[in-house]
Amino acid sequence: MGDVIIQRVLDDFYNESDYDDFAFAGGLFAVINLYLDEDLGERLRSLIKSFNVNKFYEIDYTHAGELRHPAMLEKLISPDERREIVAMLVPVKKRLDFPC
């Protein structure tokens, strides 16, 4: 599973950069970094599956069984100049009941 890092953007944050912000209801995402030459579908399924045993968070699905927001990719600066790396973001939400 690896390290867990929780980051929060303050409600009064104002973006002054050249990049666009996208606000999502709920606004919680699980993120995994991966190289584009890896099997993205398998890594997405693995990330989703990892939440089956998470006591505090679950994947955020609609009533129709689809992700509340589409999975997103964010291009990152790769430490390996021969491989492109991205962050894959998947919507999550707090579990209403905590399993024992």
PDB file of N, CA and C in Angstrom:
ATOM      1  N   MET A   1       0.825  -1.186   0.000  1.00  0.00           N
ATOM      2  CA  MET A   1       0.000   0.000   0.000  1.00  0.00           C
ATOM      3  C   MET A   1       0.872   1.253   0.000  1.00  0.00           C
ATOM      4  N   GLY A   2       1.926   1.290   0.775  1.00  0.00           N
ATOM      5  CA  GLY A   2       2.815   2.444   0.770  1.00  0.00           C
ATOM      6  C   GLY A   2       2.376   3.538   1.709  1.00  0.00           C
ATOM      7  N   ASP A   3       2.977   4.694   1.546  1.00  0.00           N
ATOM      8  CA  ASP A   3       2.696   5.839   2.398  1.00  0.00           C
ATOM      9  C   ASP A   3       1.356   6.459   2.054  1.00  0.00           C
ATOM     10  N   VAL A   4       0.751   7.094   3.038  1.00  0.00           N
ATOM     11  CA  VAL A   4      -0.488   7.831   2.838  1.00  0.00           C
ATOM     12  C   VAL A   4      -0.217   9.286   3.169  1.00  0.00           C
ATOM     13  N   ILE A   5      -0.586  10.152   2.267  1.00  0.00           N
ATOM     14  CA  ILE A   5      -0.434  11.591   2.473  1.00  0.00           C
ATOM     15  C   ILE A   5      -1.790  12.232   2.258  1.00  0.00           C
ATOM     16  N   ILE A   6      -2.221  13.045   3.189  1.00  0.00           N
ATOM     17  CA  ILE A   6      -3.485  13.759   3.030  1.00  0.00           C
ATOM     18  C   ILE A   6      -3.165  15.229   2.816  1.00  0.00           C
ATOM     19  N   GLN A   7      -3.677  15.770   1.720  1.00  0.00           N
ATOM     20  CA  GLN A   7      -3.479  17.183   1.415  1.00  0.00           C
ATOM     21  C   GLN A   7      -4.839  17.847   1.310  1.00  0.00           C
ATOM     22  N   ARG A   8      -4.902  19.090   1.727  1.00  0.00           N
ATOM     23  CA  ARG A   8      -6.156  19.823   1.667  1.00  0.00           C
ATOM     24  C   ARG A   8      -5.893  21.214   1.120  1.00  0.00           C
ATOM     25  N   VAL A   9      -6.752  21.630   0.204  1.00  0.00           N
ATOM     26  CA  VAL A   9      -6.690  22.993  -0.315  1.00  0.00           C
ATOM     27  C   VAL A   9      -7.686  23.804   0.502  1.00  0.00           C
ATOM     28  N   LEU A  10      -7.219  24.888   1.069  1.00  0.00           N
ATOM     29  CA  LEU A  10      -8.082  25.725   1.896  1.00  0.00           C
ATOM     30  C   LEU A  10      -9.234  26.301   1.083  1.00  0.00           C
ATOM     31  N   ASP A  11     -10.373  26.500   1.727  1.00  0.00           N
ATOM     32  CA  ASP A  11     -11.561  27.017   1.042  1.00  0.00           C
ATOM     33  C   ASP A  11     -11.338  28.393   0.440  1.00  0.00           C
ATOM     34  N   ASP A  12     -10.465  29.197   1.051  1.00  0.00           N
ATOM     35  CA  ASP A  12     -10.235  30.552   0.549  1.00  0.00           C
ATOM     36  C   ASP A  12      -9.012  30.640  -0.383  1.00  0.00           C
ATOM     37  N   PHE A  13      -8.505  29.486  -0.837  1.00  0.00           N
ATOM     38  CA  PHE A  13      -7.358  29.471  -1.743  1.00  0.00           C
ATOM     39  C   PHE A  13      -7.709  30.154  -3.055  1.00  0.00           C
ATOM     40  N   TYR A  14      -6.821  31.020  -3.529  1.00  0.00           N
ATOM     41  CA  TYR A  14      -7.008  31.681  -4.812  1.00  0.00           C
ATOM     42  C   TYR A  14      -5.827  31.319  -5.704  1.00  0.00           C
ATOM     43  N   ASN A  15      -6.107  30.724  -6.839  1.00  0.00           N
ATOM     44  CA  ASN A  15      -5.085  30.280  -7.771  1.00  0.00           C
ATOM     45  C   ASN A  15      -4.650  31.448  -8.647  1.00  0.00           C
ATOM     46  N   GLU A  16      -3.382  31.839  -8.534  1.00  0.00           N
ATOM     47  CA  GLU A  16      -2.849  32.931  -9.345  1.00  0.00           C
ATOM     48  C   GLU A  16      -1.925  32.412 -10.449  1.00  0.00           C
ATOM     49  N   SER A  17      -1.902  31.099 -10.656  1.00  0.00           N
ATOM     50  CA  SER A  17      -1.004  30.518 -11.650  1.00  0.00           C
ATOM     51  C   SER A  17      -1.663  30.487 -13.028  1.00  0.00           C
ATOM     52  N   ASP A  18      -0.923  29.952 -13.992  1.00  0.00           N
ATOM     53  CA  ASP A  18      -1.439  29.801 -15.353  1.00  0.00           C
ATOM     54  C   ASP A  18      -2.319  28.561 -15.493  1.00  0.00           C
ATOM     55  N   TYR A  19      -2.451  27.780 -14.422  1.00  0.00           N
ATOM     56  CA  TYR A  19      -3.211  26.535 -14.475  1.00  0.00           C
ATOM     57  C   TYR A  19      -4.637  26.749 -13.997  1.00  0.00           C
ATOM     58  N   ASP A  20      -5.543  25.911 -14.499  1.00  0.00           N
ATOM     59  CA  ASP A  20      -6.949  25.994 -14.119  1.00  0.00           C
ATOM     60  C   ASP A  20      -7.228  25.134 -12.898  1.00  0.00           C
ATOM     61  N   ASP A  21      -8.176  25.566 -12.079  1.00  0.00           N
ATOM     62  CA  ASP A  21      -8.669  24.782 -10.950  1.00  0.00           C
ATOM     63  C   ASP A  21     -10.016  24.183 -11.332  1.00  0.00           C
ATOM     64  N   PHE A  22     -10.272  23.002 -10.865  1.00  0.00           N
ATOM     65  CA  PHE A  22     -11.564  22.362 -11.038  1.00  0.00           C
ATOM     66  C   PHE A  22     -12.075  21.998  -9.661  1.00  0.00           C
ATOM     67  N   ALA A  23     -13.220  22.540  -9.284  1.00  0.00           N
ATOM     68  CA  ALA A  23     -13.810  22.244  -7.974  1.00  0.00           C
ATOM     69  C   ALA A  23     -14.834  21.126  -8.133  1.00  0.00           C
ATOM     70  N   PHE A  24     -14.751  20.133  -7.263  1.00  0.00           N
ATOM     71  CA  PHE A  24     -15.668  19.004  -7.297  1.00  0.00           C
ATOM     72  C   PHE A  24     -16.372  18.907  -5.959  1.00  0.00           C
ATOM     73  N   ALA A  25     -17.673  18.586  -5.997  1.00  0.00           N
ATOM     74  CA  ALA A  25     -18.412  18.355  -4.759  1.00  0.00           C
ATOM     75  C   ALA A  25     -17.751  17.205  -4.026  1.00  0.00           C
ATOM     76  N   GLY A  26     -17.519  17.366  -2.757  1.00  0.00           N
ATOM     77  CA  GLY A  26     -16.811  16.343  -1.983  1.00  0.00           C
ATOM     78  C   GLY A  26     -15.332  16.607  -2.017  1.00  0.00           C
ATOM     79  N   GLY A  27     -14.763  16.613  -3.196  1.00  0.00           N
ATOM     80  CA  GLY A  27     -13.381  17.020  -3.392  1.00  0.00           C
ATOM     81  C   GLY A  27     -12.314  16.093  -2.850  1.00  0.00           C
ATOM     82  N   LEU A  28     -12.647  14.840  -2.509  1.00  0.00           N
ATOM     83  CA  LEU A  28     -11.632  13.916  -2.020  1.00  0.00           C
ATOM     84  C   LEU A  28     -11.238  12.956  -3.136  1.00  0.00           C
ATOM     85  N   PHE A  29      -9.941  12.780  -3.326  1.00  0.00           N
ATOM     86  CA  PHE A  29      -9.446  11.881  -4.358  1.00  0.00           C
ATOM     87  C   PHE A  29      -8.311  11.036  -3.809  1.00  0.00           C
ATOM     88  N   ALA A  30      -8.294   9.773  -4.186  1.00  0.00           N
ATOM     89  CA  ALA A  30      -7.142   8.914  -3.944  1.00  0.00           C
ATOM     90  C   ALA A  30      -6.228   9.091  -5.149  1.00  0.00           C
ATOM     91  N   VAL A  31      -4.926   9.095  -4.904  1.00  0.00           N
ATOM     92  CA  VAL A  31      -3.969   9.342  -5.980  1.00  0.00           C
ATOM     93  C   VAL A  31      -2.896   8.262  -5.960  1.00  0.00           C
ATOM     94  N   ILE A  32      -2.550   7.795  -7.145  1.00  0.00           N
ATOM     95  CA  ILE A  32      -1.437   6.871  -7.305  1.00  0.00           C
ATOM     96  C   ILE A  32      -0.594   7.375  -8.462  1.00  0.00           C
ATOM     97  N   ASN A  33       0.720   7.367  -8.288  1.00  0.00           N
ATOM     98  CA  ASN A  33       1.623   7.755  -9.365  1.00  0.00           C
ATOM     99  C   ASN A  33       2.020   6.512 -10.142  1.00  0.00           C
ATOM    100  N   LEU A  34       2.037   6.635 -11.485  1.00  0.00           N
ATOM    101  CA  LEU A  34       2.411   5.497 -12.313  1.00  0.00           C
ATOM    102  C   LEU A  34       2.987   5.984 -13.626  1.00  0.00           C
ATOM    103  N   TYR A  35       3.747   5.108 -14.247  1.00  0.00           N
ATOM    104  CA  TYR A  35       4.325   5.421 -15.550  1.00  0.00           C
ATOM    105  C   TYR A  35       3.325   5.071 -16.647  1.00  0.00           C
ATOM    106  N   LEU A  36       3.314   5.856 -17.715  1.00  0.00           N
ATOM    107  CA  LEU A  36       2.358   5.642 -18.793  1.00  0.00           C
ATOM    108  C   LEU A  36       2.571   4.335 -19.546  1.00  0.00           C
ATOM    109  N   ASP A  37       3.754   3.719 -19.402  1.00  0.00           N
ATOM    110  CA  ASP A  37       3.965   2.436 -20.061  1.00  0.00           C
ATOM    111  C   ASP A  37       3.467   1.260 -19.208  1.00  0.00           C
ATOM    112  N   GLU A  38       2.890   1.559 -18.033  1.00  0.00           N
ATOM    113  CA  GLU A  38       2.279   0.528 -17.203  1.00  0.00           C
ATOM    114  C   GLU A  38       0.834   0.307 -17.659  1.00  0.00           C
ATOM    115  N   ASP A  39       0.225  -0.762 -17.217  1.00  0.00           N
ATOM    116  CA  ASP A  39      -1.168  -1.074 -17.546  1.00  0.00           C
ATOM    117  C   ASP A  39      -2.077  -0.182 -16.689  1.00  0.00           C
ATOM    118  N   LEU A  40      -2.576   0.916 -17.283  1.00  0.00           N
ATOM    119  CA  LEU A  40      -3.375   1.889 -16.525  1.00  0.00           C
ATOM    120  C   LEU A  40      -4.655   1.265 -15.984  1.00  0.00           C
ATOM    121  N   GLY A  41      -5.316   0.422 -16.775  1.00  0.00           N
ATOM    122  CA  GLY A  41      -6.543  -0.230 -16.329  1.00  0.00           C
ATOM    123  C   GLY A  41      -6.301  -1.115 -15.121  1.00  0.00           C
ATOM    124  N   GLU A  42      -5.204  -1.880 -15.144  1.00  0.00           N
ATOM    125  CA  GLU A  42      -4.885  -2.759 -14.021  1.00  0.00           C
ATOM    126  C   GLU A  42      -4.564  -1.948 -12.778  1.00  0.00           C
ATOM    127  N   ARG A  43      -3.836  -0.857 -12.944  1.00  0.00           N
ATOM    128  CA  ARG A  43      -3.487  -0.014 -11.793  1.00  0.00           C
ATOM    129  C   ARG A  43      -4.732   0.660 -11.211  1.00  0.00           C
ATOM    130  N   LEU A  44      -5.683   1.077 -12.092  1.00  0.00           N
ATOM    131  CA  LEU A  44      -6.939   1.655 -11.630  1.00  0.00           C
ATOM    132  C   LEU A  44      -7.735   0.612 -10.840  1.00  0.00           C
ATOM    133  N   ARG A  45      -7.851  -0.598 -11.382  1.00  0.00           N
ATOM    134  CA  ARG A  45      -8.568  -1.662 -10.672  1.00  0.00           C
ATOM    135  C   ARG A  45      -7.910  -1.983  -9.333  1.00  0.00           C
ATOM    136  N   SER A  46      -6.585  -1.985  -9.290  1.00  0.00           N
ATOM    137  CA  SER A  46      -5.848  -2.262  -8.056  1.00  0.00           C
ATOM    138  C   SER A  46      -6.102  -1.173  -7.019  1.00  0.00           C
ATOM    139  N   LEU A  47      -6.114   0.084  -7.455  1.00  0.00           N
ATOM    140  CA  LEU A  47      -6.385   1.188  -6.534  1.00  0.00           C
ATOM    141  C   LEU A  47      -7.798   1.075  -5.975  1.00  0.00           C
ATOM    142  N   ILE A  48      -8.766   0.819  -6.846  1.00  0.00           N
ATOM    143  CA  ILE A  48     -10.158   0.676  -6.404  1.00  0.00           C
ATOM    144  C   ILE A  48     -10.285  -0.492  -5.427  1.00  0.00           C
ATOM    145  N   LYS A  49      -9.664  -1.612  -5.758  1.00  0.00           N
ATOM    146  CA  LYS A  49      -9.737  -2.805  -4.896  1.00  0.00           C
ATOM    147  C   LYS A  49      -9.133  -2.538  -3.520  1.00  0.00           C
ATOM    148  N   SER A  50      -8.098  -1.704  -3.454  1.00  0.00           N
ATOM    149  CA  SER A  50      -7.447  -1.430  -2.170  1.00  0.00           C
ATOM    150  C   SER A  50      -8.398  -0.770  -1.175  1.00  0.00           C
ATOM    151  N   PHE A  51      -9.465  -0.149  -1.668  1.00  0.00           N
ATOM    152  CA  PHE A  51     -10.419   0.507  -0.775  1.00  0.00           C
ATOM    153  C   PHE A  51     -11.435  -0.471  -0.183  1.00  0.00           C
ATOM    154  N   ASN A  52     -11.450  -1.715  -0.640  1.00  0.00           N
ATOM    155  CA  ASN A  52     -12.351  -2.710  -0.057  1.00  0.00           C
ATOM    156  C   ASN A  52     -12.052  -2.946   1.417  1.00  0.00           C
ATOM    157  N   VAL A  53     -10.803  -2.771   1.815  1.00  0.00           N
ATOM    158  CA  VAL A  53     -10.401  -3.025   3.202  1.00  0.00           C
ATOM    159  C   VAL A  53     -10.091  -1.731   3.964  1.00  0.00           C
ATOM    160  N   ASN A  54     -10.337  -0.587   3.348  1.00  0.00           N
ATOM    161  CA  ASN A  54     -10.081   0.688   4.014  1.00  0.00           C
ATOM    162  C   ASN A  54     -11.212   0.977   4.990  1.00  0.00           C
ATOM    163  N   LYS A  55     -10.869   1.217   6.257  1.00  0.00           N
ATOM    164  CA  LYS A  55     -11.878   1.425   7.294  1.00  0.00           C
ATOM    165  C   LYS A  55     -12.510   2.814   7.250  1.00  0.00           C
ATOM    166  N   PHE A  56     -11.843   3.761   6.615  1.00  0.00           N
ATOM    167  CA  PHE A  56     -12.291   5.146   6.717  1.00  0.00           C
ATOM    168  C   PHE A  56     -12.814   5.751   5.420  1.00  0.00           C
ATOM    169  N   TYR A  57     -12.359   5.247   4.274  1.00  0.00           N
ATOM    170  CA  TYR A  57     -12.754   5.824   2.992  1.00  0.00           C
ATOM    171  C   TYR A  57     -13.177   4.719   2.028  1.00  0.00           C
ATOM    172  N   GLU A  58     -14.022   5.092   1.052  1.00  0.00           N
ATOM    173  CA  GLU A  58     -14.456   4.176   0.009  1.00  0.00           C
ATOM    174  C   GLU A  58     -14.503   4.934  -1.306  1.00  0.00           C
ATOM    175  N   ILE A  59     -14.502   4.187  -2.416  1.00  0.00           N
ATOM    176  CA  ILE A  59     -14.613   4.810  -3.736  1.00  0.00           C
ATOM    177  C   ILE A  59     -15.980   5.480  -3.825  1.00  0.00           C
ATOM    178  N   ASP A  60     -16.021   6.660  -4.418  1.00  0.00           N
ATOM    179  CA  ASP A  60     -17.255   7.437  -4.518  1.00  0.00           C
ATOM    180  C   ASP A  60     -17.973   7.104  -5.828  1.00  0.00           C
ATOM    181  N   TYR A  61     -19.000   6.247  -5.710  1.00  0.00           N
ATOM    182  CA  TYR A  61     -19.808   5.836  -6.853  1.00  0.00           C
ATOM    183  C   TYR A  61     -21.156   6.550  -6.834  1.00  0.00           C
ATOM    184  N   THR A  62     -21.749   6.706  -8.019  1.00  0.00           N
ATOM    185  CA  THR A  62     -23.130   7.180  -8.123  1.00  0.00           C
ATOM    186  C   THR A  62     -24.052   5.989  -7.869  1.00  0.00           C
ATOM    187  N   HIS A  63     -25.355   6.246  -7.788  1.00  0.00           N
ATOM    188  CA  HIS A  63     -26.317   5.153  -7.616  1.00  0.00           C
ATOM    189  C   HIS A  63     -26.332   4.226  -8.827  1.00  0.00           C
ATOM    190  N   ALA A  64     -25.869   4.719  -9.965  1.00  0.00           N
ATOM    191  CA  ALA A  64     -25.808   3.897 -11.176  1.00  0.00           C
ATOM    192  C   ALA A  64     -24.536   3.044 -11.235  1.00  0.00           C
ATOM    193  N   GLY A  65     -23.678   3.143 -10.221  1.00  0.00           N
ATOM    194  CA  GLY A  65     -22.467   2.335 -10.162  1.00  0.00           C
ATOM    195  C   GLY A  65     -21.281   2.897 -10.909  1.00  0.00           C
ATOM    196  N   GLU A  66     -21.346   4.165 -11.312  1.00  0.00           N
ATOM    197  CA  GLU A  66     -20.234   4.807 -12.004  1.00  0.00           C
ATOM    198  C   GLU A  66     -19.483   5.695 -11.021  1.00  0.00           C
ATOM    199  N   LEU A  67     -18.218   5.988 -11.332  1.00  0.00           N
ATOM    200  CA  LEU A  67     -17.469   6.912 -10.496  1.00  0.00           C
ATOM    201  C   LEU A  67     -18.176   8.262 -10.472  1.00  0.00           C
ATOM    202  N   ARG A  68     -18.259   8.883  -9.297  1.00  0.00           N
ATOM    203  CA  ARG A  68     -18.922  10.186  -9.170  1.00  0.00           C
ATOM    204  C   ARG A  68     -18.274  11.212 -10.100  1.00  0.00           C
ATOM    205  N   HIS A  69     -16.963  11.182 -10.211  1.00  0.00           N
ATOM    206  CA  HIS A  69     -16.217  12.018 -11.155  1.00  0.00           C
ATOM    207  C   HIS A  69     -15.288  11.090 -11.925  1.00  0.00           C
ATOM    208  N   PRO A  70     -15.039  11.352 -13.197  1.00  0.00           N
ATOM    209  CA  PRO A  70     -14.148  10.465 -13.955  1.00  0.00           C
ATOM    210  C   PRO A  70     -12.752  10.436 -13.328  1.00  0.00           C
ATOM    211  N   ALA A  71     -12.087   9.303 -13.451  1.00  0.00           N
ATOM    212  CA  ALA A  71     -10.685   9.239 -13.034  1.00  0.00           C
ATOM    213  C   ALA A  71      -9.910  10.242 -13.891  1.00  0.00           C
ATOM    214  N   MET A  72      -8.945  10.899 -13.281  1.00  0.00           N
ATOM    215  CA  MET A  72      -8.173  11.925 -13.995  1.00  0.00           C
ATOM    216  C   MET A  72      -6.699  11.574 -13.965  1.00  0.00           C
ATOM    217  N   LEU A  73      -5.972  12.026 -14.976  1.00  0.00           N
ATOM    218  CA  LEU A  73      -4.525  11.888 -15.011  1.00  0.00           C
ATOM    219  C   LEU A  73      -3.903  13.272 -14.989  1.00  0.00           C
ATOM    220  N   GLU A  74      -2.872  13.425 -14.177  1.00  0.00           N
ATOM    221  CA  GLU A  74      -2.122  14.680 -14.114  1.00  0.00           C
ATOM    222  C   GLU A  74      -0.678  14.366 -14.448  1.00  0.00           C
ATOM    223  N   LYS A  75      -0.137  15.027 -15.470  1.00  0.00           N
ATOM    224  CA  LYS A  75       1.243  14.786 -15.873  1.00  0.00           C
ATOM    225  C   LYS A  75       2.195  15.343 -14.817  1.00  0.00           C
ATOM    226  N   LEU A  76       3.201  14.567 -14.483  1.00  0.00           N
ATOM    227  CA  LEU A  76       4.195  14.959 -13.487  1.00  0.00           C
ATOM    228  C   LEU A  76       5.570  15.035 -14.143  1.00  0.00           C
ATOM    229  N   ILE A  77       6.517  15.608 -13.444  1.00  0.00           N
ATOM    230  CA  ILE A  77       7.897  15.634 -13.924  1.00  0.00           C
ATOM    231  C   ILE A  77       8.529  14.303 -13.544  1.00  0.00           C
ATOM    232  N   SER A  78       8.948  13.557 -14.532  1.00  0.00           N
ATOM    233  CA  SER A  78       9.452  12.208 -14.312  1.00  0.00           C
ATOM    234  C   SER A  78      10.907  12.206 -13.861  1.00  0.00           C
ATOM    235  N   PRO A  79      11.235  11.347 -12.892  1.00  0.00           N
ATOM    236  CA  PRO A  79      12.635  11.199 -12.497  1.00  0.00           C
ATOM    237  C   PRO A  79      13.426  10.383 -13.533  1.00  0.00           C
ATOM    238  N   ASP A  80      12.716   9.723 -14.451  1.00  0.00           N
ATOM    239  CA  ASP A  80      13.332   8.919 -15.508  1.00  0.00           C
ATOM    240  C   ASP A  80      12.985   9.583 -16.841  1.00  0.00           C
ATOM    241  N   GLU A  81      13.969  10.218 -17.458  1.00  0.00           N
ATOM    242  CA  GLU A  81      13.698  10.997 -18.673  1.00  0.00           C
ATOM    243  C   GLU A  81      13.208  10.133 -19.843  1.00  0.00           C
ATOM    244  N   ARG A  82      13.300   8.812 -19.733  1.00  0.00           N
ATOM    245  CA  ARG A  82      12.837   7.925 -20.799  1.00  0.00           C
ATOM    246  C   ARG A  82      11.405   7.456 -20.588  1.00  0.00           C
ATOM    247  N   ARG A  83      10.803   7.795 -19.446  1.00  0.00           N
ATOM    248  CA  ARG A  83       9.444   7.326 -19.137  1.00  0.00           C
ATOM    249  C   ARG A  83       8.607   8.499 -18.620  1.00  0.00           C
ATOM    250  N   GLU A  84       7.364   8.575 -19.099  1.00  0.00           N
ATOM    251  CA  GLU A  84       6.448   9.617 -18.623  1.00  0.00           C
ATOM    252  C   GLU A  84       5.714   9.104 -17.387  1.00  0.00           C
ATOM    253  N   ILE A  85       5.576   9.983 -16.394  1.00  0.00           N
ATOM    254  CA  ILE A  85       4.886   9.610 -15.169  1.00  0.00           C
ATOM    255  C   ILE A  85       3.667  10.513 -14.982  1.00  0.00           C
ATOM    256  N   VAL A  86       2.596   9.933 -14.452  1.00  0.00           N
ATOM    257  CA  VAL A  86       1.370  10.683 -14.192  1.00  0.00           C
ATOM    258  C   VAL A  86       0.846  10.330 -12.804  1.00  0.00           C
ATOM    259  N   ALA A  87      -0.015  11.181 -12.301  1.00  0.00           N
ATOM    260  CA  ALA A  87      -0.776  10.889 -11.090  1.00  0.00           C
ATOM    261  C   ALA A  87      -2.190  10.547 -11.542  1.00  0.00           C
ATOM    262  N   MET A  88      -2.709   9.404 -11.092  1.00  0.00           N
ATOM    263  CA  MET A  88      -4.085   9.012 -11.390  1.00  0.00           C
ATOM    264  C   MET A  88      -4.933   9.347 -10.164  1.00  0.00           C
ATOM    265  N   LEU A  89      -5.991  10.127 -10.364  1.00  0.00           N
ATOM    266  CA  LEU A  89      -6.869  10.549  -9.276  1.00  0.00           C
ATOM    267  C   LEU A  89      -8.232   9.887  -9.424  1.00  0.00           C
ATOM    268  N   VAL A  90      -8.716   9.292  -8.334  1.00  0.00           N
ATOM    269  CA  VAL A  90     -10.001   8.597  -8.321  1.00  0.00           C
ATOM    270  C   VAL A  90     -10.816   9.160  -7.150  1.00  0.00           C
ATOM    271  N   PRO A  91     -12.099   9.499  -7.362  1.00  0.00           N
ATOM    272  CA  PRO A  91     -12.900  10.090  -6.289  1.00  0.00           C
ATOM    273  C   PRO A  91     -13.167   9.094  -5.156  1.00  0.00           C
ATOM    274  N   VAL A  92     -13.025   9.580  -3.928  1.00  0.00           N
ATOM    275  CA  VAL A  92     -13.335   8.779  -2.740  1.00  0.00           C
ATOM    276  C   VAL A  92     -14.213   9.600  -1.811  1.00  0.00           C
ATOM    277  N   LYS A  93     -14.809   8.917  -0.827  1.00  0.00           N
ATOM    278  CA  LYS A  93     -15.606   9.608   0.185  1.00  0.00           C
ATOM    279  C   LYS A  93     -15.416   8.894   1.517  1.00  0.00           C
ATOM    280  N   LYS A  94     -15.729   9.603   2.591  1.00  0.00           N
ATOM    281  CA  LYS A  94     -15.647   9.004   3.912  1.00  0.00           C
ATOM    282  C   LYS A  94     -16.716   7.934   4.032  1.00  0.00           C
ATOM    283  N   ARG A  95     -16.362   6.830   4.663  1.00  0.00           N
ATOM    284  CA  ARG A  95     -17.349   5.786   4.936  1.00  0.00           C
ATOM    285  C   ARG A  95     -18.310   6.282   5.999  1.00  0.00           C
ATOM    286  N   LEU A  96     -19.582   5.968   5.824  1.00  0.00           N
ATOM    287  CA  LEU A  96     -20.588   6.368   6.811  1.00  0.00           C
ATOM    288  C   LEU A  96     -20.523   5.486   8.046  1.00  0.00           C
ATOM    289  N   ASP A  97     -20.247   4.211   7.841  1.00  0.00           N
ATOM    290  CA  ASP A  97     -20.129   3.299   8.982  1.00  0.00           C
ATOM    291  C   ASP A  97     -18.726   2.708   8.961  1.00  0.00           C
ATOM    292  N   PHE A  98     -18.102   2.644  10.096  1.00  0.00           N
ATOM    293  CA  PHE A  98     -16.754   2.124  10.201  1.00  0.00           C
ATOM    294  C   PHE A  98     -16.827   0.643  10.539  1.00  0.00           C
ATOM    295  N   PRO A  99     -16.345  -0.223   9.626  1.00  0.00           N
ATOM    296  CA  PRO A  99     -16.355  -1.652   9.934  1.00  0.00           C
ATOM    297  C   PRO A  99     -15.386  -1.968  11.063  1.00  0.00           C
ATOM    298  N   CYS A 100     -15.684  -2.973  11.837  1.00  0.00           N
ATOM    299  CA  CYS A 100     -14.809  -3.361  12.952  1.00  0.00           C
ATOM    300  C   CYS A 100     -13.762  -4.337  12.505  1.00  0.00           C
TER     301      CYS A 100
END
